[in-house]
Amino acid sequence: MQSSNVALVAGAQGVIGRNLVDHLAAQGDWQVVGLSRRGGAPRARVRHVAVDLLDGEDARARLAGLGDVTHLFYAAYQERPTWAELVEPNVAMLRNVLDAIEPVAPGLRHVSLQQGYKVYGAHLGPFKTPARESDPLFIAPEFMHAQQQLLERRREGSAWSWSALRPSVVGGFALGNPMNLAIAIAVYASICKQLGLPLRFPGSRGAYEALLEMTDAGLLARATAWAATEPRAAGEAFNVANGDLFRWSELWPRLAAWFELETAPPLPLSLAEAMADKVPLWERIVAEHGLVPHPFEELSSWAFADFVFSWDYDLFADSSKIRRAGFHDYVETEAMFVAIFEDLRRRRVIP
């Protein structure tokens, strides 16, 4: 069957992009081109292009032959030390992709942008909850604001529409990703088990009791594809979350039980510091259990985990807008974690 849609996925090796590529490829009416710095192996309906999106010339050269692209899904991200420093590179990458693909893809119909609760200032401290898409912006700098404003300007006079998806913390499989909480928990638990220690929540008691939500990567992929093809979603932003709320105080013991571990009272500690000397220990775990020998740094989202476990305030948004527009999928958060842990074990990433 001839595919009617051709997706260009920027950030195809990240936790969001990887799951989006898999979802689109499974639909039957999509061909997918994945963009990333590392590239990837081709498979049915999917090919990869290695490109440095910070380099405008490289982007134009690598994307020059992609004239059949109909949908751009933008999920690329560059980490930087401060919030202000995130703006320039992340806006530049989006601009470079648009500059490269717009002139060569006359059939471009939609541009999809991945955002998050940083739009509401969730990373800065306690904020209004539930956050809603209509909430006012806060004073710059914030790269997600700047990216959306860029899209809104570029949209004027163009034939394509745009949409923005705003997930909470995303759970899914991806290695070498700086924002992968589930893998950080799985590796932390595996190390605790090897050492005969309980799985202690590494944050404050306030964080242990805060009300949170997460977003399953598969759910987000389905919502993203829906928004890119649903006329009612054009020009709109949508919060996307699993649909349930949780507190670590309830969920943490159940996650520990999956690893056959006891728990202990929360103790604020830096995983980034605690794991700094654990490379030899992990290599021993890999050898003893016959795991795939991924470099420890590919598995270590420790700084991000420390960040999440420091939130001693509620963090959730109102997801009713996307449901009113017609997207109703739901994922139980505990089931999401269990599915990720099982997948990691099946891939021999953890024992």
C-alpha atoms as a PDB file:
ATOM      1  CA  MET A   1       0.000   0.000   0.000  1.00  0.00           C
ATOM      2  CA  GLN A   2       1.329   3.418  -0.924  1.00  0.00           C
ATOM      3  CA  SER A   3       1.870   5.630   2.119  1.00  0.00           C
ATOM      4  CA  SER A   4      -0.042   8.890   2.035  1.00  0.00           C
ATOM      5  CA  ASN A   5       1.978  10.503   4.844  1.00  0.00           C
ATOM      6  CA  VAL A   6       5.703  11.010   5.183  1.00  0.00           C
ATOM      7  CA  ALA A   7       6.877  11.937   8.661  1.00  0.00           C
ATOM      8  CA  LEU A   8      10.131  13.704   9.420  1.00  0.00           C
ATOM      9  CA  VAL A   9      10.902  13.087  13.115  1.00  0.00           C
ATOM     10  CA  ALA A  10      13.581  15.347  14.574  1.00  0.00           C
ATOM     11  CA  GLY A  11      15.065  13.819  17.709  1.00  0.00           C
ATOM     12  CA  ALA A  12      14.292  10.272  16.590  1.00  0.00           C
ATOM     13  CA  GLN A  13      16.573   8.562  19.114  1.00  0.00           C
ATOM     14  CA  GLY A  14      15.157  10.248  22.219  1.00  0.00           C
ATOM     15  CA  VAL A  15      12.503   8.739  24.456  1.00  0.00           C
ATOM     16  CA  ILE A  16       9.746  10.774  22.737  1.00  0.00           C
ATOM     17  CA  GLY A  17      11.025  10.503  19.168  1.00  0.00           C
ATOM     18  CA  ARG A  18      11.851   6.796  19.309  1.00  0.00           C
ATOM     19  CA  ASN A  19       8.350   5.869  20.458  1.00  0.00           C
ATOM     20  CA  LEU A  20       6.781   8.193  17.894  1.00  0.00           C
ATOM     21  CA  VAL A  21       8.792   6.564  15.086  1.00  0.00           C
ATOM     22  CA  ASP A  22       7.656   3.114  16.230  1.00  0.00           C
ATOM     23  CA  HIS A  23       4.019   4.187  16.442  1.00  0.00           C
ATOM     24  CA  LEU A  24       3.920   5.812  13.012  1.00  0.00           C
ATOM     25  CA  ALA A  25       5.757   2.935  11.344  1.00  0.00           C
ATOM     26  CA  ALA A  26       3.188   0.487  12.718  1.00  0.00           C
ATOM     27  CA  GLN A  27       0.212   2.368  11.269  1.00  0.00           C
ATOM     28  CA  GLY A  28       0.679   1.300   7.657  1.00  0.00           C
ATOM     29  CA  ASP A  29      -0.017   4.643   6.008  1.00  0.00           C
ATOM     30  CA  TRP A  30       3.198   6.392   7.128  1.00  0.00           C
ATOM     31  CA  GLN A  31       6.768   6.418   5.893  1.00  0.00           C
ATOM     32  CA  VAL A  32       9.174   7.777   8.500  1.00  0.00           C
ATOM     33  CA  VAL A  33      12.493   9.600   8.266  1.00  0.00           C
ATOM     34  CA  GLY A  34      14.249   9.928  11.611  1.00  0.00           C
ATOM     35  CA  LEU A  35      16.713  12.729  12.283  1.00  0.00           C
ATOM     36  CA  SER A  36      19.339  12.457  15.007  1.00  0.00           C
ATOM     37  CA  ARG A  37      23.030  13.041  15.520  1.00  0.00           C
ATOM     38  CA  ARG A  38      23.693   9.299  15.743  1.00  0.00           C
ATOM     39  CA  GLY A  39      21.467   8.124  12.911  1.00  0.00           C
ATOM     40  CA  GLY A  40      20.097   4.581  13.065  1.00  0.00           C
ATOM     41  CA  ALA A  41      19.561   1.314  11.234  1.00  0.00           C
ATOM     42  CA  PRO A  42      16.847   1.302   8.541  1.00  0.00           C
ATOM     43  CA  ARG A  43      13.839  -0.999   8.792  1.00  0.00           C
ATOM     44  CA  ALA A  44      10.432  -1.372   7.208  1.00  0.00           C
ATOM     45  CA  ARG A  45       8.927   2.097   6.606  1.00  0.00           C
ATOM     46  CA  VAL A  46      11.743   3.785   8.530  1.00  0.00           C
ATOM     47  CA  ARG A  47      15.050   5.285   7.498  1.00  0.00           C
ATOM     48  CA  HIS A  48      17.393   7.471   9.481  1.00  0.00           C
ATOM     49  CA  VAL A  49      19.485  10.503   8.633  1.00  0.00           C
ATOM     50  CA  ALA A  50      22.438  11.534  10.789  1.00  0.00           C
ATOM     51  CA  VAL A  51      22.521  15.317  11.015  1.00  0.00           C
ATOM     52  CA  ASP A  52      23.757  18.082  13.272  1.00  0.00           C
ATOM     53  CA  LEU A  53      20.705  20.310  13.585  1.00  0.00           C
ATOM     54  CA  LEU A  54      22.786  23.053  15.169  1.00  0.00           C
ATOM     55  CA  ASP A  55      24.572  23.362  11.822  1.00  0.00           C
ATOM     56  CA  GLY A  56      22.239  25.046   9.338  1.00  0.00           C
ATOM     57  CA  GLU A  57      24.340  24.079   6.320  1.00  0.00           C
ATOM     58  CA  ASP A  58      24.473  20.441   7.384  1.00  0.00           C
ATOM     59  CA  ALA A  59      20.707  20.419   7.898  1.00  0.00           C
ATOM     60  CA  ARG A  60      20.044  21.857   4.441  1.00  0.00           C
ATOM     61  CA  ALA A  61      22.420  19.387   2.805  1.00  0.00           C
ATOM     62  CA  ARG A  62      21.049  16.329   4.624  1.00  0.00           C
ATOM     63  CA  LEU A  63      17.380  17.237   4.143  1.00  0.00           C
ATOM     64  CA  ALA A  64      17.668  18.405   0.542  1.00  0.00           C
ATOM     65  CA  GLY A  65      16.250  15.171  -0.874  1.00  0.00           C
ATOM     66  CA  LEU A  66      13.230  14.955   1.402  1.00  0.00           C
ATOM     67  CA  GLY A  67      10.759  16.635  -0.907  1.00  0.00           C
ATOM     68  CA  ASP A  68       7.945  14.203  -0.090  1.00  0.00           C
ATOM     69  CA  VAL A  69       7.704  15.078   3.617  1.00  0.00           C
ATOM     70  CA  THR A  70       4.139  15.910   4.686  1.00  0.00           C
ATOM     71  CA  HIS A  71       4.532  16.171   8.475  1.00  0.00           C
ATOM     72  CA  LEU A  72       7.371  17.456  10.633  1.00  0.00           C
ATOM     73  CA  PHE A  73       7.442  16.146  14.203  1.00  0.00           C
ATOM     74  CA  TYR A  74       9.906  18.131  16.255  1.00  0.00           C
ATOM     75  CA  ALA A  75      11.189  16.412  19.409  1.00  0.00           C
ATOM     76  CA  ALA A  76      14.887  17.356  19.327  1.00  0.00           C
ATOM     77  CA  TYR A  77      16.522  18.804  22.413  1.00  0.00           C
ATOM     78  CA  GLN A  78      19.928  20.151  23.427  1.00  0.00           C
ATOM     79  CA  GLU A  79      20.905  20.173  27.103  1.00  0.00           C
ATOM     80  CA  ARG A  80      22.636  23.231  28.583  1.00  0.00           C
ATOM     81  CA  PRO A  81      23.721  24.175  32.135  1.00  0.00           C
ATOM     82  CA  THR A  82      21.182  26.957  32.716  1.00  0.00           C
ATOM     83  CA  TRP A  83      17.601  27.704  31.656  1.00  0.00           C
ATOM     84  CA  ALA A  84      18.728  30.844  29.806  1.00  0.00           C
ATOM     85  CA  GLU A  85      21.364  28.920  27.836  1.00  0.00           C
ATOM     86  CA  LEU A  86      18.744  26.469  26.590  1.00  0.00           C
ATOM     87  CA  VAL A  87      17.028  29.089  24.459  1.00  0.00           C
ATOM     88  CA  GLU A  88      19.539  29.820  21.698  1.00  0.00           C
ATOM     89  CA  PRO A  89      20.483  26.256  20.651  1.00  0.00           C
ATOM     90  CA  ASN A  90      16.980  24.819  20.911  1.00  0.00           C
ATOM     91  CA  VAL A  91      15.402  27.634  18.919  1.00  0.00           C
ATOM     92  CA  ALA A  92      18.239  27.466  16.386  1.00  0.00           C
ATOM     93  CA  MET A  93      17.701  23.757  15.763  1.00  0.00           C
ATOM     94  CA  LEU A  94      13.986  24.222  15.094  1.00  0.00           C
ATOM     95  CA  ARG A  95      14.718  27.147  12.799  1.00  0.00           C
ATOM     96  CA  ASN A  96      17.361  25.148  10.924  1.00  0.00           C
ATOM     97  CA  VAL A  97      14.945  22.261  10.328  1.00  0.00           C
ATOM     98  CA  LEU A  98      12.261  24.608   9.043  1.00  0.00           C
ATOM     99  CA  ASP A  99      14.751  26.471   6.845  1.00  0.00           C
ATOM    100  CA  ALA A 100      15.880  23.146   5.384  1.00  0.00           C
ATOM    101  CA  ILE A 101      12.538  21.419   4.833  1.00  0.00           C
ATOM    102  CA  GLU A 102      10.141  24.219   3.844  1.00  0.00           C
ATOM    103  CA  PRO A 103      11.821  25.064   0.500  1.00  0.00           C
ATOM    104  CA  VAL A 104      12.071  21.409  -0.608  1.00  0.00           C
ATOM    105  CA  ALA A 105       8.776  19.931   0.687  1.00  0.00           C
ATOM    106  CA  PRO A 106       5.874  21.755  -0.993  1.00  0.00           C
ATOM    107  CA  GLY A 107       3.435  19.192   0.418  1.00  0.00           C
ATOM    108  CA  LEU A 108       4.252  19.953   4.057  1.00  0.00           C
ATOM    109  CA  ARG A 109       0.909  19.945   5.888  1.00  0.00           C
ATOM    110  CA  HIS A 110       1.682  20.051   9.585  1.00  0.00           C
ATOM    111  CA  VAL A 111       4.432  20.850  12.094  1.00  0.00           C
ATOM    112  CA  SER A 112       4.166  19.237  15.509  1.00  0.00           C
ATOM    113  CA  LEU A 113       6.133  20.632  18.459  1.00  0.00           C
ATOM    114  CA  GLN A 114       6.942  18.773  21.687  1.00  0.00           C
ATOM    115  CA  GLN A 115       6.870  21.014  24.739  1.00  0.00           C
ATOM    116  CA  GLY A 116       6.231  20.223  28.410  1.00  0.00           C
ATOM    117  CA  TYR A 117       5.265  21.729  31.726  1.00  0.00           C
ATOM    118  CA  LYS A 118       8.222  24.102  31.565  1.00  0.00           C
ATOM    119  CA  VAL A 119       5.762  26.213  29.580  1.00  0.00           C
ATOM    120  CA  TYR A 120       4.022  26.826  32.914  1.00  0.00           C
ATOM    121  CA  GLY A 121       7.210  27.322  34.934  1.00  0.00           C
ATOM    122  CA  ALA A 122       6.973  23.912  36.598  1.00  0.00           C
ATOM    123  CA  HIS A 123      10.776  23.654  36.671  1.00  0.00           C
ATOM    124  CA  LEU A 124      11.160  26.930  38.556  1.00  0.00           C
ATOM    125  CA  GLY A 125       9.180  26.075  41.685  1.00  0.00           C
ATOM    126  CA  PRO A 126       5.583  25.811  42.921  1.00  0.00           C
ATOM    127  CA  PHE A 127       3.184  26.891  40.170  1.00  0.00           C
ATOM    128  CA  LYS A 128      -0.568  27.009  39.641  1.00  0.00           C
ATOM    129  CA  THR A 129      -2.115  23.562  39.424  1.00  0.00           C
ATOM    130  CA  PRO A 130      -3.812  22.206  37.532  1.00  0.00           C
ATOM    131  CA  ALA A 131      -1.953  24.028  34.764  1.00  0.00           C
ATOM    132  CA  ARG A 132      -4.078  24.856  31.737  1.00  0.00           C
ATOM    133  CA  GLU A 133      -3.156  25.667  28.156  1.00  0.00           C
ATOM    134  CA  SER A 134      -4.754  29.099  28.590  1.00  0.00           C
ATOM    135  CA  ASP A 135      -2.476  30.050  31.504  1.00  0.00           C
ATOM    136  CA  PRO A 136      -0.414  33.200  30.838  1.00  0.00           C
ATOM    137  CA  LEU A 137       3.256  32.920  29.924  1.00  0.00           C
ATOM    138  CA  PHE A 138       5.912  34.052  32.366  1.00  0.00           C
ATOM    139  CA  ILE A 139       8.801  36.379  31.679  1.00  0.00           C
ATOM    140  CA  ALA A 140      11.545  34.999  29.419  1.00  0.00           C
ATOM    141  CA  PRO A 141      13.888  33.215  28.968  1.00  0.00           C
ATOM    142  CA  GLU A 142      12.151  29.950  28.172  1.00  0.00           C
ATOM    143  CA  PHE A 143      12.975  28.026  25.003  1.00  0.00           C
ATOM    144  CA  MET A 144       9.536  26.409  24.730  1.00  0.00           C
ATOM    145  CA  HIS A 145       7.894  29.828  24.586  1.00  0.00           C
ATOM    146  CA  ALA A 146      10.403  30.960  21.962  1.00  0.00           C
ATOM    147  CA  GLN A 147       9.918  27.835  19.828  1.00  0.00           C
ATOM    148  CA  GLN A 148       6.148  28.218  19.774  1.00  0.00           C
ATOM    149  CA  GLN A 149       6.451  31.901  18.904  1.00  0.00           C
ATOM    150  CA  LEU A 150       8.776  30.959  16.050  1.00  0.00           C
ATOM    151  CA  LEU A 151       6.216  28.478  14.728  1.00  0.00           C
ATOM    152  CA  GLU A 152       3.403  30.998  14.981  1.00  0.00           C
ATOM    153  CA  ARG A 153       5.420  33.528  12.960  1.00  0.00           C
ATOM    154  CA  ARG A 154       6.464  30.979  10.339  1.00  0.00           C
ATOM    155  CA  ARG A 155       2.902  29.717  10.017  1.00  0.00           C
ATOM    156  CA  GLU A 156       1.696  33.067   8.638  1.00  0.00           C
ATOM    157  CA  GLY A 157       1.312  32.771   4.887  1.00  0.00           C
ATOM    158  CA  SER A 158       2.178  29.053   4.896  1.00  0.00           C
ATOM    159  CA  ALA A 159       0.042  26.121   3.849  1.00  0.00           C
ATOM    160  CA  TRP A 160       0.917  24.020   6.914  1.00  0.00           C
ATOM    161  CA  SER A 161      -0.698  24.085  10.343  1.00  0.00           C
ATOM    162  CA  TRP A 162       0.949  23.435  13.705  1.00  0.00           C
ATOM    163  CA  SER A 163       0.161  21.851  17.061  1.00  0.00           C
ATOM    164  CA  ALA A 164       2.027  21.578  20.363  1.00  0.00           C
ATOM    165  CA  LEU A 165       1.957  18.680  22.823  1.00  0.00           C
ATOM    166  CA  ARG A 166       2.730  19.317  26.484  1.00  0.00           C
ATOM    167  CA  PRO A 167       3.534  16.092  28.364  1.00  0.00           C
ATOM    168  CA  SER A 168       4.578  15.716  31.973  1.00  0.00           C
ATOM    169  CA  VAL A 169       7.694  13.642  32.743  1.00  0.00           C
ATOM    170  CA  VAL A 170       7.799  11.073  29.931  1.00  0.00           C
ATOM    171  CA  GLY A 171       8.285   7.366  30.602  1.00  0.00           C
ATOM    172  CA  GLY A 172       9.609   5.089  27.880  1.00  0.00           C
ATOM    173  CA  PHE A 173      12.648   3.276  26.520  1.00  0.00           C
ATOM    174  CA  ALA A 174      15.654   5.183  25.202  1.00  0.00           C
ATOM    175  CA  LEU A 175      19.342   4.998  26.010  1.00  0.00           C
ATOM    176  CA  GLY A 176      21.693   7.959  26.164  1.00  0.00           C
ATOM    177  CA  ASN A 177      18.787  10.271  26.968  1.00  0.00           C
ATOM    178  CA  PRO A 178      19.304  13.027  29.539  1.00  0.00           C
ATOM    179  CA  MET A 179      15.685  12.905  30.743  1.00  0.00           C
ATOM    180  CA  ASN A 180      14.786   9.270  31.353  1.00  0.00           C
ATOM    181  CA  LEU A 181      13.447   8.788  34.861  1.00  0.00           C
ATOM    182  CA  ALA A 182      12.288   5.183  34.475  1.00  0.00           C
ATOM    183  CA  ILE A 183      15.725   3.884  33.479  1.00  0.00           C
ATOM    184  CA  ALA A 184      17.329   5.838  36.317  1.00  0.00           C
ATOM    185  CA  ILE A 185      14.970   4.165  38.819  1.00  0.00           C
ATOM    186  CA  ALA A 186      15.584   0.731  37.287  1.00  0.00           C
ATOM    187  CA  VAL A 187      19.368   1.025  37.426  1.00  0.00           C
ATOM    188  CA  TYR A 188      19.239   2.518  40.938  1.00  0.00           C
ATOM    189  CA  ALA A 189      17.066  -0.384  42.102  1.00  0.00           C
ATOM    190  CA  SER A 190      19.347  -2.935  40.455  1.00  0.00           C
ATOM    191  CA  ILE A 191      22.367  -1.470  42.230  1.00  0.00           C
ATOM    192  CA  CYS A 192      20.551  -1.412  45.580  1.00  0.00           C
ATOM    193  CA  LYS A 193      19.654  -5.084  45.115  1.00  0.00           C
ATOM    194  CA  GLN A 194      23.242  -5.987  44.288  1.00  0.00           C
ATOM    195  CA  LEU A 195      24.397  -4.220  47.462  1.00  0.00           C
ATOM    196  CA  GLY A 196      21.684  -5.739  49.656  1.00  0.00           C
ATOM    197  CA  LEU A 197      20.153  -2.330  50.393  1.00  0.00           C
ATOM    198  CA  PRO A 198      16.519  -1.208  50.516  1.00  0.00           C
ATOM    199  CA  LEU A 199      15.245   1.028  47.751  1.00  0.00           C
ATOM    200  CA  ARG A 200      15.233   4.347  49.556  1.00  0.00           C
ATOM    201  CA  PHE A 201      13.457   7.321  47.977  1.00  0.00           C
ATOM    202  CA  PRO A 202      16.321   9.788  47.333  1.00  0.00           C
ATOM    203  CA  GLY A 203      14.354  12.982  47.910  1.00  0.00           C
ATOM    204  CA  SER A 204      12.780  15.009  50.665  1.00  0.00           C
ATOM    205  CA  ARG A 205       9.647  14.012  52.573  1.00  0.00           C
ATOM    206  CA  GLY A 206       7.882  16.901  50.858  1.00  0.00           C
ATOM    207  CA  ALA A 207       8.713  15.419  47.446  1.00  0.00           C
ATOM    208  CA  TYR A 208       7.614  11.985  48.703  1.00  0.00           C
ATOM    209  CA  GLU A 209       4.139  13.359  49.437  1.00  0.00           C
ATOM    210  CA  ALA A 210       3.648  15.781  46.506  1.00  0.00           C
ATOM    211  CA  LEU A 211       0.928  15.063  43.951  1.00  0.00           C
ATOM    212  CA  LEU A 212       2.363  14.236  40.503  1.00  0.00           C
ATOM    213  CA  GLU A 213       1.552  12.759  37.115  1.00  0.00           C
ATOM    214  CA  MET A 214       3.534  11.270  34.237  1.00  0.00           C
ATOM    215  CA  THR A 215       3.100  10.673  30.517  1.00  0.00           C
ATOM    216  CA  ASP A 216       3.661   7.309  28.880  1.00  0.00           C
ATOM    217  CA  ALA A 217       5.758   7.640  25.714  1.00  0.00           C
ATOM    218  CA  GLY A 218       3.392   5.414  23.743  1.00  0.00           C
ATOM    219  CA  LEU A 219       0.399   7.457  24.841  1.00  0.00           C
ATOM    220  CA  LEU A 220       2.236  10.635  23.837  1.00  0.00           C
ATOM    221  CA  ALA A 221       3.056   9.155  20.422  1.00  0.00           C
ATOM    222  CA  ARG A 222      -0.602   8.374  19.793  1.00  0.00           C
ATOM    223  CA  ALA A 223      -1.656  11.848  20.925  1.00  0.00           C
ATOM    224  CA  THR A 224       0.992  13.461  18.736  1.00  0.00           C
ATOM    225  CA  ALA A 225      -0.090  11.569  15.619  1.00  0.00           C
ATOM    226  CA  TRP A 226      -3.732  12.357  16.402  1.00  0.00           C
ATOM    227  CA  ALA A 227      -3.061  16.097  16.753  1.00  0.00           C
ATOM    228  CA  ALA A 228      -1.082  16.145  13.497  1.00  0.00           C
ATOM    229  CA  THR A 229      -3.999  14.713  11.528  1.00  0.00           C
ATOM    230  CA  GLU A 230      -7.021  16.112  13.379  1.00  0.00           C
ATOM    231  CA  PRO A 231      -8.312  19.403  11.890  1.00  0.00           C
ATOM    232  CA  ARG A 232      -9.643  20.513  15.284  1.00  0.00           C
ATOM    233  CA  ALA A 233      -6.102  20.375  16.708  1.00  0.00           C
ATOM    234  CA  ALA A 234      -4.618  22.832  14.208  1.00  0.00           C
ATOM    235  CA  GLY A 235      -3.062  25.846  15.921  1.00  0.00           C
ATOM    236  CA  GLU A 236      -3.652  24.392  19.386  1.00  0.00           C
ATOM    237  CA  ALA A 237      -1.541  23.260  22.339  1.00  0.00           C
ATOM    238  CA  PHE A 238      -2.574  20.268  24.443  1.00  0.00           C
ATOM    239  CA  ASN A 239      -1.538  18.942  27.838  1.00  0.00           C
ATOM    240  CA  VAL A 240      -0.999  15.170  27.594  1.00  0.00           C
ATOM    241  CA  ALA A 241      -0.764  12.962  30.678  1.00  0.00           C
ATOM    242  CA  ASN A 242      -1.594   9.397  31.646  1.00  0.00           C
ATOM    243  CA  GLY A 243      -4.857  10.378  33.284  1.00  0.00           C
ATOM    244  CA  ASP A 244      -4.092   9.424  36.889  1.00  0.00           C
ATOM    245  CA  LEU A 245      -2.288  11.187  39.729  1.00  0.00           C
ATOM    246  CA  PHE A 246       0.092   9.641  42.236  1.00  0.00           C
ATOM    247  CA  ARG A 247       2.323  10.315  45.213  1.00  0.00           C
ATOM    248  CA  TRP A 248       5.719   8.663  45.472  1.00  0.00           C
ATOM    249  CA  SER A 249       4.768   7.633  49.021  1.00  0.00           C
ATOM    250  CA  GLU A 250       2.173   5.268  47.510  1.00  0.00           C
ATOM    251  CA  LEU A 251       3.894   4.288  44.267  1.00  0.00           C
ATOM    252  CA  TRP A 252       7.505   3.905  45.448  1.00  0.00           C
ATOM    253  CA  PRO A 253       6.910   0.811  47.638  1.00  0.00           C
ATOM    254  CA  ARG A 254       5.081  -0.880  44.772  1.00  0.00           C
ATOM    255  CA  LEU A 255       7.964  -0.178  42.394  1.00  0.00           C
ATOM    256  CA  ALA A 256      10.388  -1.529  45.004  1.00  0.00           C
ATOM    257  CA  ALA A 257       8.292  -4.681  45.306  1.00  0.00           C
ATOM    258  CA  TRP A 258       8.664  -5.321  41.569  1.00  0.00           C
ATOM    259  CA  PHE A 259      12.420  -5.495  42.143  1.00  0.00           C
ATOM    260  CA  GLU A 260      11.831  -7.637  45.279  1.00  0.00           C
ATOM    261  CA  LEU A 261      13.232  -4.875  47.466  1.00  0.00           C
ATOM    262  CA  GLU A 262      12.199  -3.413  50.786  1.00  0.00           C
ATOM    263  CA  THR A 263      11.980   0.343  51.255  1.00  0.00           C
ATOM    264  CA  ALA A 264      13.329   2.684  53.915  1.00  0.00           C
ATOM    265  CA  PRO A 265      12.377   6.222  54.943  1.00  0.00           C
ATOM    266  CA  PRO A 266      13.178   8.926  52.368  1.00  0.00           C
ATOM    267  CA  LEU A 267      16.638  10.427  52.593  1.00  0.00           C
ATOM    268  CA  PRO A 268      17.609  13.428  50.449  1.00  0.00           C
ATOM    269  CA  LEU A 269      20.733  12.480  48.537  1.00  0.00           C
ATOM    270  CA  SER A 270      22.239  13.240  45.158  1.00  0.00           C
ATOM    271  CA  LEU A 271      22.116  10.244  42.866  1.00  0.00           C
ATOM    272  CA  ALA A 272      24.599  12.021  40.603  1.00  0.00           C
ATOM    273  CA  GLU A 273      27.093  11.935  43.473  1.00  0.00           C
ATOM    274  CA  ALA A 274      26.106   8.524  44.839  1.00  0.00           C
ATOM    275  CA  MET A 275      26.512   6.882  41.430  1.00  0.00           C
ATOM    276  CA  ALA A 276      29.774   8.589  40.492  1.00  0.00           C
ATOM    277  CA  ASP A 277      31.866   5.625  41.718  1.00  0.00           C
ATOM    278  CA  LYS A 278      29.495   2.829  40.655  1.00  0.00           C
ATOM    279  CA  VAL A 279      30.919   2.049  37.197  1.00  0.00           C
ATOM    280  CA  PRO A 280      32.973  -0.960  38.406  1.00  0.00           C
ATOM    281  CA  LEU A 281      29.973  -2.250  40.354  1.00  0.00           C
ATOM    282  CA  TRP A 282      27.722  -1.963  37.308  1.00  0.00           C
ATOM    283  CA  GLU A 283      30.265  -3.728  35.136  1.00  0.00           C
ATOM    284  CA  ARG A 284      30.235  -6.568  37.674  1.00  0.00           C
ATOM    285  CA  ILE A 285      26.426  -6.692  37.524  1.00  0.00           C
ATOM    286  CA  VAL A 286      26.582  -6.798  33.710  1.00  0.00           C
ATOM    287  CA  ALA A 287      29.069  -9.685  33.787  1.00  0.00           C
ATOM    288  CA  GLU A 288      27.229 -11.688  36.470  1.00  0.00           C
ATOM    289  CA  HIS A 289      23.834 -11.428  34.779  1.00  0.00           C
ATOM    290  CA  GLY A 290      24.890 -11.507  31.130  1.00  0.00           C
ATOM    291  CA  LEU A 291      23.533  -8.068  30.366  1.00  0.00           C
ATOM    292  CA  VAL A 292      24.193  -6.091  27.202  1.00  0.00           C
ATOM    293  CA  PRO A 293      27.306  -4.034  28.074  1.00  0.00           C
ATOM    294  CA  HIS A 294      25.918  -0.545  27.560  1.00  0.00           C
ATOM    295  CA  PRO A 295      28.254   2.165  28.855  1.00  0.00           C
ATOM    296  CA  PHE A 296      27.145   3.253  32.318  1.00  0.00           C
ATOM    297  CA  GLU A 297      26.844   6.853  31.141  1.00  0.00           C
ATOM    298  CA  GLU A 298      24.185   5.751  28.609  1.00  0.00           C
ATOM    299  CA  LEU A 299      22.028   4.580  31.493  1.00  0.00           C
ATOM    300  CA  SER A 300      22.671   7.444  33.867  1.00  0.00           C
ATOM    301  CA  SER A 301      19.970  10.077  33.942  1.00  0.00           C
ATOM    302  CA  TRP A 302      21.044  10.885  37.477  1.00  0.00           C
ATOM    303  CA  ALA A 303      20.932  14.666  37.287  1.00  0.00           C
ATOM    304  CA  PHE A 304      17.429  14.535  35.842  1.00  0.00           C
ATOM    305  CA  ALA A 305      16.304  12.037  38.482  1.00  0.00           C
ATOM    306  CA  ASP A 306      17.706  14.315  41.192  1.00  0.00           C
ATOM    307  CA  PHE A 307      15.738  17.174  39.650  1.00  0.00           C
ATOM    308  CA  VAL A 308      12.452  15.247  39.613  1.00  0.00           C
ATOM    309  CA  PHE A 309      12.932  13.911  43.146  1.00  0.00           C
ATOM    310  CA  SER A 310      13.503  17.456  44.406  1.00  0.00           C
ATOM    311  CA  TRP A 311       9.968  18.582  43.538  1.00  0.00           C
ATOM    312  CA  ASP A 312       8.365  19.118  46.926  1.00  0.00           C
ATOM    313  CA  TYR A 313       5.308  20.702  45.314  1.00  0.00           C
ATOM    314  CA  ASP A 314       2.370  19.408  43.289  1.00  0.00           C
ATOM    315  CA  LEU A 315       3.024  19.016  39.569  1.00  0.00           C
ATOM    316  CA  PHE A 316       0.063  18.255  37.333  1.00  0.00           C
ATOM    317  CA  ALA A 317      -2.011  19.813  34.563  1.00  0.00           C
ATOM    318  CA  ASP A 318      -5.563  19.766  33.286  1.00  0.00           C
ATOM    319  CA  SER A 319      -5.735  17.344  30.340  1.00  0.00           C
ATOM    320  CA  SER A 320      -9.424  17.865  29.611  1.00  0.00           C
ATOM    321  CA  LYS A 321      -8.830  20.020  26.520  1.00  0.00           C
ATOM    322  CA  ILE A 322      -7.410  17.158  24.449  1.00  0.00           C
ATOM    323  CA  ARG A 323     -10.217  14.882  25.639  1.00  0.00           C
ATOM    324  CA  ARG A 324     -12.856  17.414  24.651  1.00  0.00           C
ATOM    325  CA  ALA A 325     -11.208  17.573  21.223  1.00  0.00           C
ATOM    326  CA  GLY A 326     -11.512  13.814  20.769  1.00  0.00           C
ATOM    327  CA  PHE A 327      -8.416  12.036  22.174  1.00  0.00           C
ATOM    328  CA  HIS A 328      -9.317   9.773  25.099  1.00  0.00           C
ATOM    329  CA  ASP A 329      -6.436   7.313  25.652  1.00  0.00           C
ATOM    330  CA  TYR A 330      -5.435   6.505  29.228  1.00  0.00           C
ATOM    331  CA  VAL A 331      -2.476   4.676  30.817  1.00  0.00           C
ATOM    332  CA  GLU A 332      -2.134   3.728  34.488  1.00  0.00           C
ATOM    333  CA  THR A 333       1.183   5.096  35.738  1.00  0.00           C
ATOM    334  CA  GLU A 334       2.153   2.050  37.806  1.00  0.00           C
ATOM    335  CA  ALA A 335       1.443  -0.178  34.807  1.00  0.00           C
ATOM    336  CA  MET A 336       3.600   2.134  32.675  1.00  0.00           C
ATOM    337  CA  PHE A 337       6.576   1.705  35.010  1.00  0.00           C
ATOM    338  CA  VAL A 338       6.136  -2.057  35.149  1.00  0.00           C
ATOM    339  CA  ALA A 339       5.977  -2.271  31.345  1.00  0.00           C
ATOM    340  CA  ILE A 340       9.189  -0.227  31.044  1.00  0.00           C
ATOM    341  CA  PHE A 341      10.983  -2.350  33.650  1.00  0.00           C
ATOM    342  CA  GLU A 342       9.879  -5.534  31.893  1.00  0.00           C
ATOM    343  CA  ASP A 343      11.078  -4.110  28.574  1.00  0.00           C
ATOM    344  CA  LEU A 344      14.464  -3.226  30.079  1.00  0.00           C
ATOM    345  CA  ARG A 345      14.777  -6.753  31.457  1.00  0.00           C
ATOM    346  CA  ARG A 346      13.739  -8.260  28.114  1.00  0.00           C
ATOM    347  CA  ARG A 347      16.390  -6.163  26.365  1.00  0.00           C
ATOM    348  CA  ARG A 348      18.924  -7.304  29.013  1.00  0.00           C
ATOM    349  CA  VAL A 349      19.596  -3.764  30.140  1.00  0.00           C
ATOM    350  CA  ILE A 350      18.869  -4.636  33.781  1.00  0.00           C
ATOM    351  CA  PRO A 351      18.977  -8.007  35.608  1.00  0.00           C
END
